[in-house]
């Protein structure tokens, strides 16, 4: 029963995302909708709700992914201009990842 409910919820979520993308593309011709993976979405979601940003280690722990996997996801989003890496003001060795203007 629980598995069936989870499948239904995921199905509804993907359907909703698809409809949002379609609607966005209908009304926003000058800027195409950026296609992101579910893993990228999860990383962006974590950062969105942490205004000070997150470290790769924090993201790794929250998402139950290896630091290497998170690092690859973040690197792609940084290259696309969606995220920014910045030195932590409290610890110069640490890097915080935040959303860029484009990411908002």
PDB file of N, CA and C in Angstrom:
ATOM      1  N   UNK A   1       0.818  -1.196   0.000  1.00  0.00           N
ATOM      2  CA  UNK A   1       0.000   0.000   0.000  1.00  0.00           C
ATOM      3  C   UNK A   1       0.862   1.260   0.000  1.00  0.00           C
ATOM      4  N   UNK A   2       1.904   1.299   0.830  1.00  0.00           N
ATOM      5  CA  UNK A   2       2.754   2.476   0.907  1.00  0.00           C
ATOM      6  C   UNK A   2       3.479   2.711  -0.409  1.00  0.00           C
ATOM      7  N   UNK A   3       3.952   1.630  -1.039  1.00  0.00           N
ATOM      8  CA  UNK A   3       4.675   1.765  -2.296  1.00  0.00           C
ATOM      9  C   UNK A   3       3.756   2.335  -3.373  1.00  0.00           C
ATOM     10  N   UNK A   4       2.528   1.876  -3.418  1.00  0.00           N
ATOM     11  CA  UNK A   4       1.575   2.370  -4.406  1.00  0.00           C
ATOM     12  C   UNK A   4       1.319   3.864  -4.186  1.00  0.00           C
ATOM     13  N   UNK A   5       1.180   4.295  -2.933  1.00  0.00           N
ATOM     14  CA  UNK A   5       0.968   5.710  -2.631  1.00  0.00           C
ATOM     15  C   UNK A   5       2.163   6.538  -3.073  1.00  0.00           C
ATOM     16  N   UNK A   6       3.362   6.044  -2.834  1.00  0.00           N
ATOM     17  CA  UNK A   6       4.568   6.776  -3.227  1.00  0.00           C
ATOM     18  C   UNK A   6       4.629   6.912  -4.743  1.00  0.00           C
ATOM     19  N   UNK A   7       4.294   5.851  -5.454  1.00  0.00           N
ATOM     20  CA  UNK A   7       4.309   5.896  -6.920  1.00  0.00           C
ATOM     21  C   UNK A   7       3.290   6.910  -7.426  1.00  0.00           C
ATOM     22  N   UNK A   8       2.120   6.944  -6.824  1.00  0.00           N
ATOM     23  CA  UNK A   8       1.099   7.919  -7.215  1.00  0.00           C
ATOM     24  C   UNK A   8       1.559   9.344  -6.952  1.00  0.00           C
ATOM     25  N   UNK A   9       2.177   9.574  -5.801  1.00  0.00           N
ATOM     26  CA  UNK A   9       2.659  10.915  -5.463  1.00  0.00           C
ATOM     27  C   UNK A   9       3.729  11.354  -6.450  1.00  0.00           C
ATOM     28  N   UNK A  10       4.704  10.478  -6.740  1.00  0.00           N
ATOM     29  CA  UNK A  10       5.759  10.822  -7.697  1.00  0.00           C
ATOM     30  C   UNK A  10       5.165  11.083  -9.082  1.00  0.00           C
ATOM     31  N   UNK A  11       4.212  10.277  -9.476  1.00  0.00           N
ATOM     32  CA  UNK A  11       3.562  10.476 -10.771  1.00  0.00           C
ATOM     33  C   UNK A  11       2.889  11.833 -10.858  1.00  0.00           C
ATOM     34  N   UNK A  12       2.189  12.218  -9.798  1.00  0.00           N
ATOM     35  CA  UNK A  12       1.525  13.527  -9.773  1.00  0.00           C
ATOM     36  C   UNK A  12       2.549  14.663  -9.795  1.00  0.00           C
ATOM     37  N   UNK A  13       3.667  14.469  -9.079  1.00  0.00           N
ATOM     38  CA  UNK A  13       4.694  15.494  -9.063  1.00  0.00           C
ATOM     39  C   UNK A  13       5.275  15.701 -10.459  1.00  0.00           C
ATOM     40  N   UNK A  14       5.615  14.614 -11.153  1.00  0.00           N
ATOM     41  CA  UNK A  14       6.176  14.736 -12.490  1.00  0.00           C
ATOM     42  C   UNK A  14       5.169  15.344 -13.462  1.00  0.00           C
ATOM     43  N   UNK A  15       3.906  14.972 -13.323  1.00  0.00           N
ATOM     44  CA  UNK A  15       2.869  15.547 -14.172  1.00  0.00           C
ATOM     45  C   UNK A  15       2.752  17.052 -13.922  1.00  0.00           C
ATOM     46  N   UNK A  16       2.809  17.455 -12.661  1.00  0.00           N
ATOM     47  CA  UNK A  16       2.731  18.874 -12.318  1.00  0.00           C
ATOM     48  C   UNK A  16       3.915  19.640 -12.886  1.00  0.00           C
ATOM     49  N   UNK A  17       5.108  19.098 -12.741  1.00  0.00           N
ATOM     50  CA  UNK A  17       6.304  19.750 -13.282  1.00  0.00           C
ATOM     51  C   UNK A  17       6.180  19.885 -14.796  1.00  0.00           C
ATOM     52  N   UNK A  18       5.697  18.847 -15.459  1.00  0.00           N
ATOM     53  CA  UNK A  18       5.516  18.890 -16.910  1.00  0.00           C
ATOM     54  C   UNK A  18       4.542  20.000 -17.305  1.00  0.00           C
ATOM     55  N   UNK A  19       3.443  20.123 -16.580  1.00  0.00           N
ATOM     56  CA  UNK A  19       2.461  21.173 -16.878  1.00  0.00           C
ATOM     57  C   UNK A  19       3.020  22.568 -16.631  1.00  0.00           C
ATOM     58  N   UNK A  20       3.809  22.713 -15.573  1.00  0.00           N
ATOM     59  CA  UNK A  20       4.441  24.004 -15.290  1.00  0.00           C
ATOM     60  C   UNK A  20       5.383  24.378 -16.425  1.00  0.00           C
ATOM     61  N   UNK A  21       6.191  23.421 -16.888  1.00  0.00           N
ATOM     62  CA  UNK A  21       7.106  23.691 -17.997  1.00  0.00           C
ATOM     63  C   UNK A  21       6.353  24.085 -19.261  1.00  0.00           C
ATOM     64  N   UNK A  22       5.288  23.368 -19.560  1.00  0.00           N
ATOM     65  CA  UNK A  22       4.487  23.702 -20.746  1.00  0.00           C
ATOM     66  C   UNK A  22       3.923  25.114 -20.634  1.00  0.00           C
ATOM     67  N   UNK A  23       3.386  25.446 -19.485  1.00  0.00           N
ATOM     68  CA  UNK A  23       2.802  26.774 -19.275  1.00  0.00           C
ATOM     69  C   UNK A  23       3.879  27.857 -19.379  1.00  0.00           C
ATOM     70  N   UNK A  24       5.032  27.596 -18.808  1.00  0.00           N
ATOM     71  CA  UNK A  24       6.138  28.544 -18.861  1.00  0.00           C
ATOM     72  C   UNK A  24       6.550  28.800 -20.304  1.00  0.00           C
ATOM     73  N   UNK A  25       6.674  27.737 -21.082  1.00  0.00           N
ATOM     74  CA  UNK A  25       7.091  27.873 -22.477  1.00  0.00           C
ATOM     75  C   UNK A  25       6.047  28.610 -23.313  1.00  0.00           C
ATOM     76  N   UNK A  26       4.766  28.483 -22.971  1.00  0.00           N
ATOM     77  CA  UNK A  26       3.711  29.183 -23.696  1.00  0.00           C
ATOM     78  C   UNK A  26       3.754  30.687 -23.443  1.00  0.00           C
ATOM     79  N   UNK A  27       4.128  31.068 -22.237  1.00  0.00           N
ATOM     80  CA  UNK A  27       4.074  32.485 -21.868  1.00  0.00           C
ATOM     81  C   UNK A  27       5.426  33.180 -21.850  1.00  0.00           C
ATOM     82  N   UNK A  28       6.513  32.447 -21.990  1.00  0.00           N
ATOM     83  CA  UNK A  28       7.841  33.017 -21.829  1.00  0.00           C
ATOM     84  C   UNK A  28       8.724  32.636 -23.015  1.00  0.00           C
ATOM     85  N   UNK A  29       8.462  33.214 -24.160  1.00  0.00           N
ATOM     86  CA  UNK A  29       9.149  32.820 -25.385  1.00  0.00           C
ATOM     87  C   UNK A  29      10.605  33.275 -25.444  1.00  0.00           C
ATOM     88  N   UNK A  30      10.945  34.391 -24.788  1.00  0.00           N
ATOM     89  CA  UNK A  30      12.304  34.908 -24.889  1.00  0.00           C
ATOM     90  C   UNK A  30      13.309  34.136 -24.029  1.00  0.00           C
ATOM     91  N   UNK A  31      12.846  33.406 -23.046  1.00  0.00           N
ATOM     92  CA  UNK A  31      13.756  32.654 -22.171  1.00  0.00           C
ATOM     93  C   UNK A  31      13.247  31.220 -22.038  1.00  0.00           C
ATOM     94  N   UNK A  32      13.875  30.271 -22.739  1.00  0.00           N
ATOM     95  CA  UNK A  32      13.391  28.888 -22.682  1.00  0.00           C
ATOM     96  C   UNK A  32      13.522  28.294 -21.277  1.00  0.00           C
ATOM     97  N   UNK A  33      12.646  27.379 -20.973  1.00  0.00           N
ATOM     98  CA  UNK A  33      12.657  26.713 -19.677  1.00  0.00           C
ATOM     99  C   UNK A  33      13.903  25.839 -19.566  1.00  0.00           C
ATOM    100  N   UNK A  34      14.617  25.993 -18.472  1.00  0.00           N
ATOM    101  CA  UNK A  34      15.819  25.206 -18.260  1.00  0.00           C
ATOM    102  C   UNK A  34      15.422  23.804 -17.797  1.00  0.00           C
ATOM    103  N   UNK A  35      15.958  22.809 -18.458  1.00  0.00           N
ATOM    104  CA  UNK A  35      15.685  21.432 -18.085  1.00  0.00           C
ATOM    105  C   UNK A  35      16.691  21.011 -17.019  1.00  0.00           C
ATOM    106  N   UNK A  36      16.203  20.606 -15.847  1.00  0.00           N
ATOM    107  CA  UNK A  36      17.105  20.161 -14.804  1.00  0.00           C
ATOM    108  C   UNK A  36      16.735  18.752 -14.385  1.00  0.00           C
ATOM    109  N   UNK A  37      17.713  18.047 -13.844  1.00  0.00           N
ATOM    110  CA  UNK A  37      17.473  16.690 -13.373  1.00  0.00           C
ATOM    111  C   UNK A  37      16.864  16.743 -11.977  1.00  0.00           C
ATOM    112  N   UNK A  38      16.361  15.611 -11.529  1.00  0.00           N
ATOM    113  CA  UNK A  38      15.782  15.543 -10.194  1.00  0.00           C
ATOM    114  C   UNK A  38      16.859  15.797  -9.140  1.00  0.00           C
ATOM    115  N   UNK A  39      18.057  15.278  -9.354  1.00  0.00           N
ATOM    116  CA  UNK A  39      19.155  15.497  -8.404  1.00  0.00           C
ATOM    117  C   UNK A  39      19.505  16.983  -8.324  1.00  0.00           C
ATOM    118  N   UNK A  40      19.546  17.668  -9.470  1.00  0.00           N
ATOM    119  CA  UNK A  40      19.828  19.100  -9.471  1.00  0.00           C
ATOM    120  C   UNK A  40      18.723  19.852  -8.738  1.00  0.00           C
ATOM    121  N   UNK A  41      17.489  19.448  -8.974  1.00  0.00           N
ATOM    122  CA  UNK A  41      16.356  20.072  -8.300  1.00  0.00           C
ATOM    123  C   UNK A  41      16.483  19.922  -6.780  1.00  0.00           C
ATOM    124  N   UNK A  42      16.868  18.735  -6.316  1.00  0.00           N
ATOM    125  CA  UNK A  42      17.002  18.499  -4.875  1.00  0.00           C
ATOM    126  C   UNK A  42      18.091  19.381  -4.274  1.00  0.00           C
ATOM    127  N   UNK A  43      19.216  19.508  -4.969  1.00  0.00           N
ATOM    128  CA  UNK A  43      20.299  20.361  -4.486  1.00  0.00           C
ATOM    129  C   UNK A  43      19.829  21.811  -4.416  1.00  0.00           C
ATOM    130  N   UNK A  44      19.179  22.272  -5.475  1.00  0.00           N
ATOM    131  CA  UNK A  44      18.688  23.654  -5.492  1.00  0.00           C
ATOM    132  C   UNK A  44      17.662  23.880  -4.388  1.00  0.00           C
ATOM    133  N   UNK A  45      16.828  22.909  -4.135  1.00  0.00           N
ATOM    134  CA  UNK A  45      15.815  23.012  -3.094  1.00  0.00           C
ATOM    135  C   UNK A  45      16.457  23.154  -1.720  1.00  0.00           C
ATOM    136  N   UNK A  46      17.488  22.360  -1.450  1.00  0.00           N
ATOM    137  CA  UNK A  46      18.196  22.469  -0.165  1.00  0.00           C
ATOM    138  C   UNK A  46      18.778  23.860   0.017  1.00  0.00           C
ATOM    139  N   UNK A  47      19.382  24.373  -1.030  1.00  0.00           N
ATOM    140  CA  UNK A  47      20.019  25.684  -0.945  1.00  0.00           C
ATOM    141  C   UNK A  47      18.976  26.790  -0.826  1.00  0.00           C
ATOM    142  N   UNK A  48      17.873  26.637  -1.503  1.00  0.00           N
ATOM    143  CA  UNK A  48      16.809  27.635  -1.447  1.00  0.00           C
ATOM    144  C   UNK A  48      16.345  27.882  -0.018  1.00  0.00           C
ATOM    145  N   UNK A  49      16.243  26.814   0.763  1.00  0.00           N
ATOM    146  CA  UNK A  49      15.739  26.943   2.129  1.00  0.00           C
ATOM    147  C   UNK A  49      16.849  27.144   3.157  1.00  0.00           C
ATOM    148  N   UNK A  50      18.057  27.439   2.695  1.00  0.00           N
ATOM    149  CA  UNK A  50      19.186  27.781   3.559  1.00  0.00           C
ATOM    150  C   UNK A  50      19.817  29.050   3.007  1.00  0.00           C
ATOM    151  N   UNK A  51      19.314  30.208   3.419  1.00  0.00           N
ATOM    152  CA  UNK A  51      19.749  31.473   2.830  1.00  0.00           C
ATOM    153  C   UNK A  51      21.264  31.700   2.852  1.00  0.00           C
ATOM    154  N   UNK A  52      21.958  31.151   3.835  1.00  0.00           N
ATOM    155  CA  UNK A  52      23.408  31.307   3.913  1.00  0.00           C
ATOM    156  C   UNK A  52      24.155  30.347   3.007  1.00  0.00           C
ATOM    157  N   UNK A  53      23.422  29.534   2.285  1.00  0.00           N
ATOM    158  CA  UNK A  53      24.035  28.537   1.419  1.00  0.00           C
ATOM    159  C   UNK A  53      24.376  27.272   2.185  1.00  0.00           C
ATOM    160  N   UNK A  54      24.959  26.323   1.489  1.00  0.00           N
ATOM    161  CA  UNK A  54      25.333  25.039   2.071  1.00  0.00           C
ATOM    162  C   UNK A  54      26.714  24.643   1.575  1.00  0.00           C
ATOM    163  N   UNK A  55      27.377  23.834   2.354  1.00  0.00           N
ATOM    164  CA  UNK A  55      28.631  23.247   1.895  1.00  0.00           C
ATOM    165  C   UNK A  55      28.302  21.935   1.182  1.00  0.00           C
ATOM    166  N   UNK A  56      29.265  21.407   0.456  1.00  0.00           N
ATOM    167  CA  UNK A  56      29.059  20.123  -0.217  1.00  0.00           C
ATOM    168  C   UNK A  56      28.787  19.043   0.822  1.00  0.00           C
ATOM    169  N   UNK A  57      29.486  19.105   1.938  1.00  0.00           N
ATOM    170  CA  UNK A  57      29.281  18.112   3.001  1.00  0.00           C
ATOM    171  C   UNK A  57      27.848  18.168   3.534  1.00  0.00           C
ATOM    172  N   UNK A  58      27.338  19.372   3.787  1.00  0.00           N
ATOM    173  CA  UNK A  58      25.963  19.516   4.283  1.00  0.00           C
ATOM    174  C   UNK A  58      24.956  18.975   3.273  1.00  0.00           C
ATOM    175  N   UNK A  59      25.146  19.321   2.006  1.00  0.00           N
ATOM    176  CA  UNK A  59      24.249  18.808   0.962  1.00  0.00           C
ATOM    177  C   UNK A  59      24.316  17.298   0.898  1.00  0.00           C
ATOM    178  N   UNK A  60      25.506  16.769   0.983  1.00  0.00           N
ATOM    179  CA  UNK A  60      25.712  15.324   0.931  1.00  0.00           C
ATOM    180  C   UNK A  60      24.944  14.624   2.049  1.00  0.00           C
ATOM    181  N   UNK A  61      25.043  15.165   3.250  1.00  0.00           N
ATOM    182  CA  UNK A  61      24.351  14.567   4.398  1.00  0.00           C
ATOM    183  C   UNK A  61      22.839  14.677   4.273  1.00  0.00           C
ATOM    184  N   UNK A  62      22.351  15.829   3.830  1.00  0.00           N
ATOM    185  CA  UNK A  62      20.898  16.039   3.717  1.00  0.00           C
ATOM    186  C   UNK A  62      20.261  15.198   2.622  1.00  0.00           C
ATOM    187  N   UNK A  63      21.006  14.983   1.539  1.00  0.00           N
ATOM    188  CA  UNK A  63      20.445  14.284   0.382  1.00  0.00           C
ATOM    189  C   UNK A  63      20.837  12.811   0.319  1.00  0.00           C
ATOM    190  N   UNK A  64      21.650  12.367   1.270  1.00  0.00           N
ATOM    191  CA  UNK A  64      22.125  10.977   1.301  1.00  0.00           C
ATOM    192  C   UNK A  64      22.836  10.607  -0.007  1.00  0.00           C
ATOM    193  N   UNK A  65      23.678  11.513  -0.459  1.00  0.00           N
ATOM    194  CA  UNK A  65      24.498  11.286  -1.646  1.00  0.00           C
ATOM    195  C   UNK A  65      25.959  11.403  -1.238  1.00  0.00           C
ATOM    196  N   UNK A  66      26.847  10.844  -2.036  1.00  0.00           N
ATOM    197  CA  UNK A  66      28.263  10.987  -1.737  1.00  0.00           C
ATOM    198  C   UNK A  66      28.700  12.420  -2.019  1.00  0.00           C
ATOM    199  N   UNK A  67      29.719  12.890  -1.325  1.00  0.00           N
ATOM    200  CA  UNK A  67      30.226  14.235  -1.607  1.00  0.00           C
ATOM    201  C   UNK A  67      30.666  14.383  -3.070  1.00  0.00           C
ATOM    202  N   UNK A  68      31.205  13.327  -3.655  1.00  0.00           N
ATOM    203  CA  UNK A  68      31.608  13.376  -5.057  1.00  0.00           C
ATOM    204  C   UNK A  68      30.431  13.607  -5.991  1.00  0.00           C
ATOM    205  N   UNK A  69      29.322  12.926  -5.712  1.00  0.00           N
ATOM    206  CA  UNK A  69      28.124  13.090  -6.544  1.00  0.00           C
ATOM    207  C   UNK A  69      27.578  14.509  -6.419  1.00  0.00           C
ATOM    208  N   UNK A  70      27.524  15.014  -5.191  1.00  0.00           N
ATOM    209  CA  UNK A  70      27.033  16.377  -4.971  1.00  0.00           C
ATOM    210  C   UNK A  70      27.953  17.375  -5.658  1.00  0.00           C
ATOM    211  N   UNK A  71      29.246  17.146  -5.553  1.00  0.00           N
ATOM    212  CA  UNK A  71      30.220  18.042  -6.171  1.00  0.00           C
ATOM    213  C   UNK A  71      30.029  18.127  -7.684  1.00  0.00           C
ATOM    214  N   UNK A  72      29.754  16.999  -8.327  1.00  0.00           N
ATOM    215  CA  UNK A  72      29.514  16.979  -9.776  1.00  0.00           C
ATOM    216  C   UNK A  72      28.241  17.744 -10.133  1.00  0.00           C
ATOM    217  N   UNK A  73      27.206  17.551  -9.358  1.00  0.00           N
ATOM    218  CA  UNK A  73      25.939  18.253  -9.601  1.00  0.00           C
ATOM    219  C   UNK A  73      26.147  19.754  -9.459  1.00  0.00           C
ATOM    220  N   UNK A  74      26.817  20.147  -8.381  1.00  0.00           N
ATOM    221  CA  UNK A  74      27.068  21.566  -8.128  1.00  0.00           C
ATOM    222  C   UNK A  74      27.932  22.151  -9.233  1.00  0.00           C
ATOM    223  N   UNK A  75      28.962  21.438  -9.648  1.00  0.00           N
ATOM    224  CA  UNK A  75      29.854  21.940 -10.701  1.00  0.00           C
ATOM    225  C   UNK A  75      29.079  22.245 -11.981  1.00  0.00           C
ATOM    226  N   UNK A  76      28.165  21.361 -12.347  1.00  0.00           N
ATOM    227  CA  UNK A  76      27.369  21.593 -13.560  1.00  0.00           C
ATOM    228  C   UNK A  76      26.489  22.830 -13.403  1.00  0.00           C
ATOM    229  N   UNK A  77      25.874  22.982 -12.242  1.00  0.00           N
ATOM    230  CA  UNK A  77      25.011  24.134 -12.000  1.00  0.00           C
ATOM    231  C   UNK A  77      25.811  25.434 -11.930  1.00  0.00           C
ATOM    232  N   UNK A  78      27.034  25.382 -11.419  1.00  0.00           N
ATOM    233  CA  UNK A  78      27.905  26.569 -11.390  1.00  0.00           C
ATOM    234  C   UNK A  78      28.278  26.956 -12.818  1.00  0.00           C
ATOM    235  N   UNK A  79      28.637  25.971 -13.647  1.00  0.00           N
ATOM    236  CA  UNK A  79      28.984  26.251 -15.046  1.00  0.00           C
ATOM    237  C   UNK A  79      27.816  26.863 -15.809  1.00  0.00           C
ATOM    238  N   UNK A  80      26.597  26.441 -15.482  1.00  0.00           N
ATOM    239  CA  UNK A  80      25.406  26.979 -16.147  1.00  0.00           C
ATOM    240  C   UNK A  80      25.020  28.350 -15.601  1.00  0.00           C
ATOM    241  N   UNK A  81      25.640  28.744 -14.494  1.00  0.00           N
ATOM    242  CA  UNK A  81      25.346  30.046 -13.912  1.00  0.00           C
ATOM    243  C   UNK A  81      24.187  30.050 -12.934  1.00  0.00           C
ATOM    244  N   UNK A  82      23.706  28.874 -12.554  1.00  0.00           N
ATOM    245  CA  UNK A  82      22.569  28.765 -11.643  1.00  0.00           C
ATOM    246  C   UNK A  82      22.991  28.891 -10.185  1.00  0.00           C
ATOM    247  N   UNK A  83      24.236  28.472  -9.892  1.00  0.00           N
ATOM    248  CA  UNK A  83      24.763  28.526  -8.533  1.00  0.00           C
ATOM    249  C   UNK A  83      26.099  29.227  -8.514  1.00  0.00           C
ATOM    250  N   UNK A  84      26.478  29.645  -7.300  1.00  0.00           N
ATOM    251  CA  UNK A  84      27.742  30.346  -7.097  1.00  0.00           C
ATOM    252  C   UNK A  84      28.451  29.712  -5.911  1.00  0.00           C
ATOM    253  N   UNK A  85      29.763  29.552  -6.044  1.00  0.00           N
ATOM    254  CA  UNK A  85      30.580  29.120  -4.916  1.00  0.00           C
ATOM    255  C   UNK A  85      31.207  30.365  -4.302  1.00  0.00           C
ATOM    256  N   UNK A  86      31.164  30.459  -2.973  1.00  0.00           N
ATOM    257  CA  UNK A  86      31.754  31.610  -2.287  1.00  0.00           C
ATOM    258  C   UNK A  86      32.456  31.129  -1.016  1.00  0.00           C
ATOM    259  N   UNK A  87      33.539  31.775  -0.679  1.00  0.00           N
ATOM    260  CA  UNK A  87      34.258  31.451   0.558  1.00  0.00           C
ATOM    261  C   UNK A  87      33.385  31.780   1.756  1.00  0.00           C
ATOM    262  N   UNK A  88      33.421  30.911   2.755  1.00  0.00           N
ATOM    263  CA  UNK A  88      32.683  31.119   3.994  1.00  0.00           C
ATOM    264  C   UNK A  88      33.373  32.233   4.776  1.00  0.00           C
ATOM    265  N   UNK A  89      32.622  33.200   5.251  1.00  0.00           N
ATOM    266  CA  UNK A  89      33.182  34.310   6.012  1.00  0.00           C
ATOM    267  C   UNK A  89      33.793  33.882   7.334  1.00  0.00           C
ATOM    268  N   UNK A  90      33.301  32.801   7.912  1.00  0.00           N
ATOM    269  CA  UNK A  90      33.796  32.325   9.204  1.00  0.00           C
ATOM    270  C   UNK A  90      34.985  31.380   9.072  1.00  0.00           C
ATOM    271  N   UNK A  91      35.076  30.678   7.959  1.00  0.00           N
ATOM    272  CA  UNK A  91      36.144  29.698   7.756  1.00  0.00           C
ATOM    273  C   UNK A  91      36.606  29.787   6.307  1.00  0.00           C
ATOM    274  N   UNK A  92      37.755  30.386   6.087  1.00  0.00           N
ATOM    275  CA  UNK A  92      38.229  30.618   4.725  1.00  0.00           C
ATOM    276  C   UNK A  92      38.486  29.327   3.950  1.00  0.00           C
ATOM    277  N   UNK A  93      38.639  28.206   4.650  1.00  0.00           N
ATOM    278  CA  UNK A  93      38.852  26.929   3.962  1.00  0.00           C
ATOM    279  C   UNK A  93      37.557  26.361   3.406  1.00  0.00           C
ATOM    280  N   UNK A  94      36.456  26.800   3.945  1.00  0.00           N
ATOM    281  CA  UNK A  94      35.149  26.269   3.572  1.00  0.00           C
ATOM    282  C   UNK A  94      34.521  27.082   2.440  1.00  0.00           C
ATOM    283  N   UNK A  95      33.793  26.389   1.592  1.00  0.00           N
ATOM    284  CA  UNK A  95      33.089  27.027   0.475  1.00  0.00           C
ATOM    285  C   UNK A  95      31.593  26.830   0.669  1.00  0.00           C
ATOM    286  N   UNK A  96      30.835  27.911   0.518  1.00  0.00           N
ATOM    287  CA  UNK A  96      29.378  27.858   0.600  1.00  0.00           C
ATOM    288  C   UNK A  96      28.819  27.939  -0.818  1.00  0.00           C
ATOM    289  N   UNK A  97      27.795  27.187  -1.071  1.00  0.00           N
ATOM    290  CA  UNK A  97      27.151  27.196  -2.381  1.00  0.00           C
ATOM    291  C   UNK A  97      25.801  27.878  -2.219  1.00  0.00           C
ATOM    292  N   UNK A  98      25.564  28.877  -3.058  1.00  0.00           N
ATOM    293  CA  UNK A  98      24.314  29.622  -3.016  1.00  0.00           C
ATOM    294  C   UNK A  98      23.734  29.710  -4.425  1.00  0.00           C
ATOM    295  N   UNK A  99      22.473  30.099  -4.506  1.00  0.00           N
ATOM    296  CA  UNK A  99      21.850  30.311  -5.804  1.00  0.00           C
ATOM    297  C   UNK A  99      22.302  31.649  -6.372  1.00  0.00           C
ATOM    298  N   UNK A 100      22.539  31.698  -7.663  1.00  0.00           N
ATOM    299  CA  UNK A 100      22.869  32.963  -8.330  1.00  0.00           C
ATOM    300  C   UNK A 100      21.571  33.672  -8.668  1.00  0.00           C
ATOM    301  N   UNK A 101      21.683  34.860  -9.236  1.00  0.00           N
ATOM    302  CA  UNK A 101      20.485  35.577  -9.689  1.00  0.00           C
ATOM    303  C   UNK A 101      19.716  34.730 -10.707  1.00  0.00           C
ATOM    304  N   UNK A 102      20.448  34.075 -11.598  1.00  0.00           N
ATOM    305  CA  UNK A 102      19.816  33.215 -12.601  1.00  0.00           C
ATOM    306  C   UNK A 102      19.095  32.042 -11.940  1.00  0.00           C
ATOM    307  N   UNK A 103      19.646  31.547 -10.840  1.00  0.00           N
ATOM    308  CA  UNK A 103      19.052  30.416 -10.112  1.00  0.00           C
ATOM    309  C   UNK A 103      17.752  30.738  -9.416  1.00  0.00           C
ATOM    310  N   UNK A 104      17.555  32.014  -9.129  1.00  0.00           N
ATOM    311  CA  UNK A 104      16.317  32.433  -8.486  1.00  0.00           C
ATOM    312  C   UNK A 104      15.242  32.498  -9.518  1.00  0.00           C
TER     313      UNK A 104
END
